[in-house]
Amino acid sequence: MSLVVRNLSEQLVDLVRDRILSGAVLPNSAIRQDALASELGISKIPLREALARLEQEGLLISQANRGFFVRPLSAEEAEEVFALRLKLEPDVMVLSAERATAQQRKAAKDVFASLYQVTEAGGAGVAAFNRAFHMALLRPAGQPIVLGILRRLHVMADRYVRKHLEPLGRDERANEEHREILAIWLARDLDNIRVLTERHLEKTRDDLRQQLTIES
């Protein structure tokens, strides 16, 4: 496998991020820079730059003389990530429902259809499609600064969402909540979209509190 020179840094960030978020590289695991650079046919310099960016995103931690490690999951981090989402997401969701164009509304329906199909098939990547669905409902707000913050929070939340969906039937329950949120969003029911968004995030946070406390 090799990467083209153009946008090499961006490609490396995306590639390593996807491996972390998919669970292919587990929490606390070391990023083997020599092996990864050899696999991709690149030097370690752009790889280190990409890993430094992923540390800024909150997915990696660096240790002096030891390199980069995948950040462990923690109840404290989950609490902080979902507290911030609860502060920002409901307001943005309301604005987005107000402003969404016909094309953006269709895009949101299409993303939900893909999420539902992946969930029904029991396929991999449900958490990534979950993230794409939420961002499709937030993007029409047209607020680039807050959307940038939310995009980063969703990346950090991705592994926690995967954890949240582990119990049997949890993904089906989440999709029923998504279906209800989408219907209200499409109807531009601004009061209820706020309520449902808050409830959805609070349920996920509360489930994670229990799961991560049990495992700690």
C-alpha atoms as a PDB file:
ATOM      1  CA  MET A   1       0.000   0.000   0.000  1.00  0.00           C
ATOM      2  CA  SER A   2       1.382   3.432  -0.870  1.00  0.00           C
ATOM      3  CA  LEU A   3       0.144   6.990  -0.589  1.00  0.00           C
ATOM      4  CA  VAL A   4       0.531   9.682  -3.232  1.00  0.00           C
ATOM      5  CA  VAL A   5       2.579  12.728  -2.319  1.00  0.00           C
ATOM      6  CA  ARG A   6      -0.295  15.179  -2.784  1.00  0.00           C
ATOM      7  CA  ASN A   7      -2.010  15.916   0.532  1.00  0.00           C
ATOM      8  CA  LEU A   8       0.097  13.230   2.201  1.00  0.00           C
ATOM      9  CA  SER A   9      -0.344  14.701   5.670  1.00  0.00           C
ATOM     10  CA  GLU A  10      -4.140  14.825   5.330  1.00  0.00           C
ATOM     11  CA  GLN A  11      -4.244  11.247   4.050  1.00  0.00           C
ATOM     12  CA  LEU A  12      -2.137  10.016   6.928  1.00  0.00           C
ATOM     13  CA  VAL A  13      -4.298  11.795   9.487  1.00  0.00           C
ATOM     14  CA  ASP A  14      -7.434  10.263   7.943  1.00  0.00           C
ATOM     15  CA  LEU A  15      -5.912   6.790   7.683  1.00  0.00           C
ATOM     16  CA  VAL A  16      -4.632   6.578  11.256  1.00  0.00           C
ATOM     17  CA  ARG A  17      -7.768   8.248  12.624  1.00  0.00           C
ATOM     18  CA  ASP A  18      -9.955   5.668  10.857  1.00  0.00           C
ATOM     19  CA  ARG A  19      -7.902   2.808  12.310  1.00  0.00           C
ATOM     20  CA  ILE A  20      -8.283   4.215  15.810  1.00  0.00           C
ATOM     21  CA  LEU A  21     -11.990   4.969  15.517  1.00  0.00           C
ATOM     22  CA  SER A  22     -12.765   1.586  13.943  1.00  0.00           C
ATOM     23  CA  GLY A  23     -11.114  -0.200  16.852  1.00  0.00           C
ATOM     24  CA  ALA A  24      -8.394  -1.680  14.660  1.00  0.00           C
ATOM     25  CA  VAL A  25      -5.888  -0.048  17.023  1.00  0.00           C
ATOM     26  CA  LEU A  26      -6.991  -0.518  20.616  1.00  0.00           C
ATOM     27  CA  PRO A  27      -6.839   1.993  23.490  1.00  0.00           C
ATOM     28  CA  ASN A  28      -3.409   2.183  25.142  1.00  0.00           C
ATOM     29  CA  SER A  29      -1.783   0.561  22.098  1.00  0.00           C
ATOM     30  CA  ALA A  30       1.467   2.016  20.803  1.00  0.00           C
ATOM     31  CA  ILE A  31       1.608   3.407  17.274  1.00  0.00           C
ATOM     32  CA  ARG A  32       4.501   1.477  15.712  1.00  0.00           C
ATOM     33  CA  GLN A  33       5.922   4.229  13.563  1.00  0.00           C
ATOM     34  CA  ASP A  34       8.629   2.157  11.849  1.00  0.00           C
ATOM     35  CA  ALA A  35       6.213  -0.595  10.868  1.00  0.00           C
ATOM     36  CA  LEU A  36       3.508   1.845   9.762  1.00  0.00           C
ATOM     37  CA  ALA A  37       5.909   3.949   7.701  1.00  0.00           C
ATOM     38  CA  SER A  38       7.213   0.789   6.045  1.00  0.00           C
ATOM     39  CA  GLU A  39       3.695  -0.458   5.332  1.00  0.00           C
ATOM     40  CA  LEU A  40       2.724   2.823   3.693  1.00  0.00           C
ATOM     41  CA  GLY A  41       5.991   3.361   1.882  1.00  0.00           C
ATOM     42  CA  ILE A  42       6.686   6.761   3.427  1.00  0.00           C
ATOM     43  CA  SER A  43       9.255   8.417   5.674  1.00  0.00           C
ATOM     44  CA  LYS A  44       8.590   8.892   9.378  1.00  0.00           C
ATOM     45  CA  ILE A  45       8.630  12.702   9.148  1.00  0.00           C
ATOM     46  CA  PRO A  46       5.115  13.189   7.653  1.00  0.00           C
ATOM     47  CA  LEU A  47       3.849  10.346   9.826  1.00  0.00           C
ATOM     48  CA  ARG A  48       5.044  12.099  12.994  1.00  0.00           C
ATOM     49  CA  GLU A  49       3.324  15.280  11.810  1.00  0.00           C
ATOM     50  CA  ALA A  50       0.065  13.358  11.335  1.00  0.00           C
ATOM     51  CA  LEU A  51       0.373  11.722  14.765  1.00  0.00           C
ATOM     52  CA  ALA A  52       0.946  15.125  16.362  1.00  0.00           C
ATOM     53  CA  ARG A  53      -2.301  16.350  14.766  1.00  0.00           C
ATOM     54  CA  LEU A  54      -4.165  13.338  16.092  1.00  0.00           C
ATOM     55  CA  GLU A  55      -2.810  14.135  19.545  1.00  0.00           C
ATOM     56  CA  GLN A  56      -4.332  17.608  19.168  1.00  0.00           C
ATOM     57  CA  GLU A  57      -7.647  15.948  18.235  1.00  0.00           C
ATOM     58  CA  GLY A  58      -7.523  14.001  21.501  1.00  0.00           C
ATOM     59  CA  LEU A  59      -7.085  10.530  20.001  1.00  0.00           C
ATOM     60  CA  LEU A  60      -3.411  10.009  20.856  1.00  0.00           C
ATOM     61  CA  ILE A  61      -1.102  10.852  23.714  1.00  0.00           C
ATOM     62  CA  SER A  62       2.675  11.162  23.435  1.00  0.00           C
ATOM     63  CA  GLN A  63       5.144   9.950  26.013  1.00  0.00           C
ATOM     64  CA  ALA A  64       8.743  11.170  26.139  1.00  0.00           C
ATOM     65  CA  ASN A  65      11.123   8.677  24.526  1.00  0.00           C
ATOM     66  CA  ARG A  66       8.287   6.209  23.988  1.00  0.00           C
ATOM     67  CA  GLY A  67       6.251   7.680  21.129  1.00  0.00           C
ATOM     68  CA  PHE A  68       2.508   7.880  20.591  1.00  0.00           C
ATOM     69  CA  PHE A  69      -0.200   5.762  22.204  1.00  0.00           C
ATOM     70  CA  VAL A  70      -3.938   5.548  21.599  1.00  0.00           C
ATOM     71  CA  ARG A  71      -5.678   7.536  24.300  1.00  0.00           C
ATOM     72  CA  PRO A  72      -7.528   5.271  26.760  1.00  0.00           C
ATOM     73  CA  LEU A  73     -11.270   5.556  27.256  1.00  0.00           C
ATOM     74  CA  SER A  74     -12.277   7.152  30.535  1.00  0.00           C
ATOM     75  CA  ALA A  75     -15.491   8.045  32.298  1.00  0.00           C
ATOM     76  CA  GLU A  76     -14.128  11.547  32.941  1.00  0.00           C
ATOM     77  CA  GLU A  77     -13.425  12.229  29.275  1.00  0.00           C
ATOM     78  CA  ALA A  78     -16.819  10.863  28.199  1.00  0.00           C
ATOM     79  CA  GLU A  79     -18.489  13.124  30.762  1.00  0.00           C
ATOM     80  CA  GLU A  80     -16.667  16.185  29.442  1.00  0.00           C
ATOM     81  CA  VAL A  81     -17.274  15.412  25.762  1.00  0.00           C
ATOM     82  CA  PHE A  82     -21.001  14.857  26.210  1.00  0.00           C
ATOM     83  CA  ALA A  83     -21.371  17.854  28.531  1.00  0.00           C
ATOM     84  CA  LEU A  84     -19.920  20.047  25.776  1.00  0.00           C
ATOM     85  CA  ARG A  85     -22.135  18.445  23.137  1.00  0.00           C
ATOM     86  CA  LEU A  86     -25.155  19.116  25.338  1.00  0.00           C
ATOM     87  CA  LYS A  87     -24.184  22.779  25.625  1.00  0.00           C
ATOM     88  CA  LEU A  88     -23.720  23.277  21.871  1.00  0.00           C
ATOM     89  CA  GLU A  89     -25.638  20.719  19.867  1.00  0.00           C
ATOM     90  CA  PRO A  90     -29.294  21.469  20.728  1.00  0.00           C
ATOM     91  CA  ASP A  91     -28.993  25.142  19.726  1.00  0.00           C
ATOM     92  CA  VAL A  92     -27.178  24.304  16.505  1.00  0.00           C
ATOM     93  CA  MET A  93     -29.730  21.613  15.688  1.00  0.00           C
ATOM     94  CA  VAL A  94     -32.549  24.150  16.005  1.00  0.00           C
ATOM     95  CA  LEU A  95     -30.789  26.631  13.732  1.00  0.00           C
ATOM     96  CA  SER A  96     -29.952  23.895  11.268  1.00  0.00           C
ATOM     97  CA  ALA A  97     -33.570  22.718  11.066  1.00  0.00           C
ATOM     98  CA  GLU A  98     -34.590  26.307  10.335  1.00  0.00           C
ATOM     99  CA  ARG A  99     -31.991  26.860   7.613  1.00  0.00           C
ATOM    100  CA  ALA A 100     -31.705  23.487   5.868  1.00  0.00           C
ATOM    101  CA  THR A 101     -32.203  23.592   2.112  1.00  0.00           C
ATOM    102  CA  ALA A 102     -34.080  20.923   0.170  1.00  0.00           C
ATOM    103  CA  GLN A 103     -30.763  19.404  -0.883  1.00  0.00           C
ATOM    104  CA  GLN A 104     -29.480  19.313   2.706  1.00  0.00           C
ATOM    105  CA  ARG A 105     -32.728  17.759   3.906  1.00  0.00           C
ATOM    106  CA  LYS A 106     -32.402  15.028   1.263  1.00  0.00           C
ATOM    107  CA  ALA A 107     -28.771  14.476   2.264  1.00  0.00           C
ATOM    108  CA  ALA A 108     -29.826  13.955   5.893  1.00  0.00           C
ATOM    109  CA  LYS A 109     -32.443  11.396   4.839  1.00  0.00           C
ATOM    110  CA  ASP A 110     -29.899   9.584   2.678  1.00  0.00           C
ATOM    111  CA  VAL A 111     -27.354   9.398   5.503  1.00  0.00           C
ATOM    112  CA  PHE A 112     -29.993   8.018   7.864  1.00  0.00           C
ATOM    113  CA  ALA A 113     -30.948   5.381   5.286  1.00  0.00           C
ATOM    114  CA  SER A 114     -27.303   4.301   5.079  1.00  0.00           C
ATOM    115  CA  LEU A 115     -27.006   4.224   8.874  1.00  0.00           C
ATOM    116  CA  TYR A 116     -30.155   2.117   9.142  1.00  0.00           C
ATOM    117  CA  GLN A 117     -28.939  -0.352   6.491  1.00  0.00           C
ATOM    118  CA  VAL A 118     -25.560  -0.789   8.182  1.00  0.00           C
ATOM    119  CA  THR A 119     -27.259  -1.306  11.545  1.00  0.00           C
ATOM    120  CA  GLU A 120     -29.728  -3.857  10.162  1.00  0.00           C
ATOM    121  CA  ALA A 121     -26.900  -5.776   8.486  1.00  0.00           C
ATOM    122  CA  GLY A 122     -24.869  -5.759  11.679  1.00  0.00           C
ATOM    123  CA  GLY A 123     -21.990  -4.305   9.710  1.00  0.00           C
ATOM    124  CA  ALA A 124     -18.893  -2.508  10.844  1.00  0.00           C
ATOM    125  CA  GLY A 125     -18.743   1.251  10.892  1.00  0.00           C
ATOM    126  CA  VAL A 126     -22.059   1.932  12.633  1.00  0.00           C
ATOM    127  CA  ALA A 127     -20.401   4.534  14.867  1.00  0.00           C
ATOM    128  CA  ALA A 128     -18.929   6.326  11.828  1.00  0.00           C
ATOM    129  CA  PHE A 129     -22.333   6.439  10.129  1.00  0.00           C
ATOM    130  CA  ASN A 130     -23.831   7.635  13.413  1.00  0.00           C
ATOM    131  CA  ARG A 131     -21.342  10.521  13.396  1.00  0.00           C
ATOM    132  CA  ALA A 132     -22.120  11.291   9.743  1.00  0.00           C
ATOM    133  CA  PHE A 133     -25.854  11.378  10.533  1.00  0.00           C
ATOM    134  CA  HIS A 134     -25.449  13.837  13.392  1.00  0.00           C
ATOM    135  CA  MET A 135     -23.181  16.085  11.335  1.00  0.00           C
ATOM    136  CA  ALA A 136     -25.677  16.035   8.434  1.00  0.00           C
ATOM    137  CA  LEU A 137     -28.287  17.445  10.818  1.00  0.00           C
ATOM    138  CA  LEU A 138     -25.899  20.075  12.191  1.00  0.00           C
ATOM    139  CA  ARG A 139     -24.121  21.263   9.047  1.00  0.00           C
ATOM    140  CA  PRO A 140     -26.994  23.345   7.577  1.00  0.00           C
ATOM    141  CA  ALA A 141     -26.704  25.782  10.505  1.00  0.00           C
ATOM    142  CA  GLY A 142     -23.837  27.327   8.553  1.00  0.00           C
ATOM    143  CA  GLN A 143     -21.748  28.245  11.601  1.00  0.00           C
ATOM    144  CA  PRO A 144     -18.205  27.173  10.690  1.00  0.00           C
ATOM    145  CA  ILE A 145     -16.562  27.885  14.055  1.00  0.00           C
ATOM    146  CA  VAL A 146     -19.033  26.006  16.226  1.00  0.00           C
ATOM    147  CA  LEU A 147     -19.316  23.244  13.612  1.00  0.00           C
ATOM    148  CA  GLY A 148     -15.548  22.833  13.723  1.00  0.00           C
ATOM    149  CA  ILE A 149     -15.754  22.406  17.493  1.00  0.00           C
ATOM    150  CA  LEU A 150     -18.640  19.948  17.177  1.00  0.00           C
ATOM    151  CA  ARG A 151     -16.804  17.985  14.482  1.00  0.00           C
ATOM    152  CA  ARG A 152     -13.878  17.522  16.849  1.00  0.00           C
ATOM    153  CA  LEU A 153     -16.205  16.548  19.715  1.00  0.00           C
ATOM    154  CA  HIS A 154     -17.872  13.978  17.481  1.00  0.00           C
ATOM    155  CA  VAL A 155     -14.503  12.490  16.549  1.00  0.00           C
ATOM    156  CA  MET A 156     -13.630  12.234  20.244  1.00  0.00           C
ATOM    157  CA  ALA A 157     -17.080  10.802  20.988  1.00  0.00           C
ATOM    158  CA  ASP A 158     -16.855   8.172  18.231  1.00  0.00           C
ATOM    159  CA  ARG A 159     -15.102   5.522  20.328  1.00  0.00           C
ATOM    160  CA  TYR A 160     -17.527   6.158  23.187  1.00  0.00           C
ATOM    161  CA  VAL A 161     -20.459   5.750  20.818  1.00  0.00           C
ATOM    162  CA  ARG A 162     -18.992   2.402  19.729  1.00  0.00           C
ATOM    163  CA  LYS A 163     -18.767   1.444  23.404  1.00  0.00           C
ATOM    164  CA  HIS A 164     -22.323   2.614  24.007  1.00  0.00           C
ATOM    165  CA  LEU A 165     -23.620   0.454  21.135  1.00  0.00           C
ATOM    166  CA  GLU A 166     -21.991  -2.775  22.370  1.00  0.00           C
ATOM    167  CA  PRO A 167     -24.955  -4.146  24.405  1.00  0.00           C
ATOM    168  CA  LEU A 168     -27.409  -6.197  22.356  1.00  0.00           C
ATOM    169  CA  GLY A 169     -30.222  -4.099  20.895  1.00  0.00           C
ATOM    170  CA  ARG A 170     -28.627  -0.787  21.794  1.00  0.00           C
ATOM    171  CA  ASP A 171     -27.996   0.149  18.141  1.00  0.00           C
ATOM    172  CA  GLU A 172     -31.635  -0.513  17.202  1.00  0.00           C
ATOM    173  CA  ARG A 173     -32.791   1.690  20.084  1.00  0.00           C
ATOM    174  CA  ALA A 174     -30.422   4.443  18.964  1.00  0.00           C
ATOM    175  CA  ASN A 175     -31.769   4.273  15.425  1.00  0.00           C
ATOM    176  CA  GLU A 176     -35.348   4.599  16.611  1.00  0.00           C
ATOM    177  CA  GLU A 177     -34.268   7.758  18.433  1.00  0.00           C
ATOM    178  CA  HIS A 178     -32.520   8.922  15.251  1.00  0.00           C
ATOM    179  CA  ARG A 179     -35.661   8.270  13.202  1.00  0.00           C
ATOM    180  CA  GLU A 180     -37.728  10.390  15.594  1.00  0.00           C
ATOM    181  CA  ILE A 181     -35.135  13.182  15.618  1.00  0.00           C
ATOM    182  CA  LEU A 182     -34.964  13.219  11.814  1.00  0.00           C
ATOM    183  CA  ALA A 183     -38.763  13.401  11.480  1.00  0.00           C
ATOM    184  CA  ILE A 184     -38.981  16.345  13.879  1.00  0.00           C
ATOM    185  CA  TRP A 185     -35.995  18.040  12.205  1.00  0.00           C
ATOM    186  CA  LEU A 186     -37.598  17.691   8.775  1.00  0.00           C
ATOM    187  CA  ALA A 187     -40.866  19.062  10.173  1.00  0.00           C
ATOM    188  CA  ARG A 188     -38.952  22.102  11.508  1.00  0.00           C
ATOM    189  CA  ASP A 189     -40.517  21.507  14.926  1.00  0.00           C
ATOM    190  CA  LEU A 190     -37.945  23.673  16.690  1.00  0.00           C
ATOM    191  CA  ASP A 191     -39.077  23.187  20.280  1.00  0.00           C
ATOM    192  CA  ASN A 192     -39.214  19.413  20.036  1.00  0.00           C
ATOM    193  CA  ILE A 193     -35.964  19.063  18.108  1.00  0.00           C
ATOM    194  CA  ARG A 194     -34.186  20.723  21.013  1.00  0.00           C
ATOM    195  CA  VAL A 195     -35.874  18.425  23.543  1.00  0.00           C
ATOM    196  CA  LEU A 196     -35.201  15.253  21.554  1.00  0.00           C
ATOM    197  CA  THR A 197     -31.571  16.165  20.899  1.00  0.00           C
ATOM    198  CA  GLU A 198     -30.968  16.788  24.592  1.00  0.00           C
ATOM    199  CA  ARG A 199     -32.729  13.546  25.559  1.00  0.00           C
ATOM    200  CA  HIS A 200     -30.764  11.501  23.022  1.00  0.00           C
ATOM    201  CA  LEU A 201     -27.413  12.835  24.224  1.00  0.00           C
ATOM    202  CA  GLU A 202     -28.360  12.458  27.886  1.00  0.00           C
ATOM    203  CA  LYS A 203     -29.335   8.798  27.384  1.00  0.00           C
ATOM    204  CA  THR A 204     -26.010   8.051  25.731  1.00  0.00           C
ATOM    205  CA  ARG A 205     -24.113   9.866  28.482  1.00  0.00           C
ATOM    206  CA  ASP A 206     -26.040   8.063  31.235  1.00  0.00           C
ATOM    207  CA  ASP A 207     -25.465   4.633  29.627  1.00  0.00           C
ATOM    208  CA  LEU A 208     -21.750   5.371  29.325  1.00  0.00           C
ATOM    209  CA  ARG A 209     -21.564   6.451  32.956  1.00  0.00           C
ATOM    210  CA  GLN A 210     -22.776   3.020  33.955  1.00  0.00           C
ATOM    211  CA  GLN A 211     -20.670   1.072  31.438  1.00  0.00           C
ATOM    212  CA  LEU A 212     -17.403   2.858  32.142  1.00  0.00           C
ATOM    213  CA  THR A 213     -17.910   2.849  35.911  1.00  0.00           C
ATOM    214  CA  ILE A 214     -18.455  -0.919  35.895  1.00  0.00           C
ATOM    215  CA  GLU A 215     -15.262  -1.466  33.883  1.00  0.00           C
ATOM    216  CA  SER A 216     -13.065   0.915  35.898  1.00  0.00           C
END
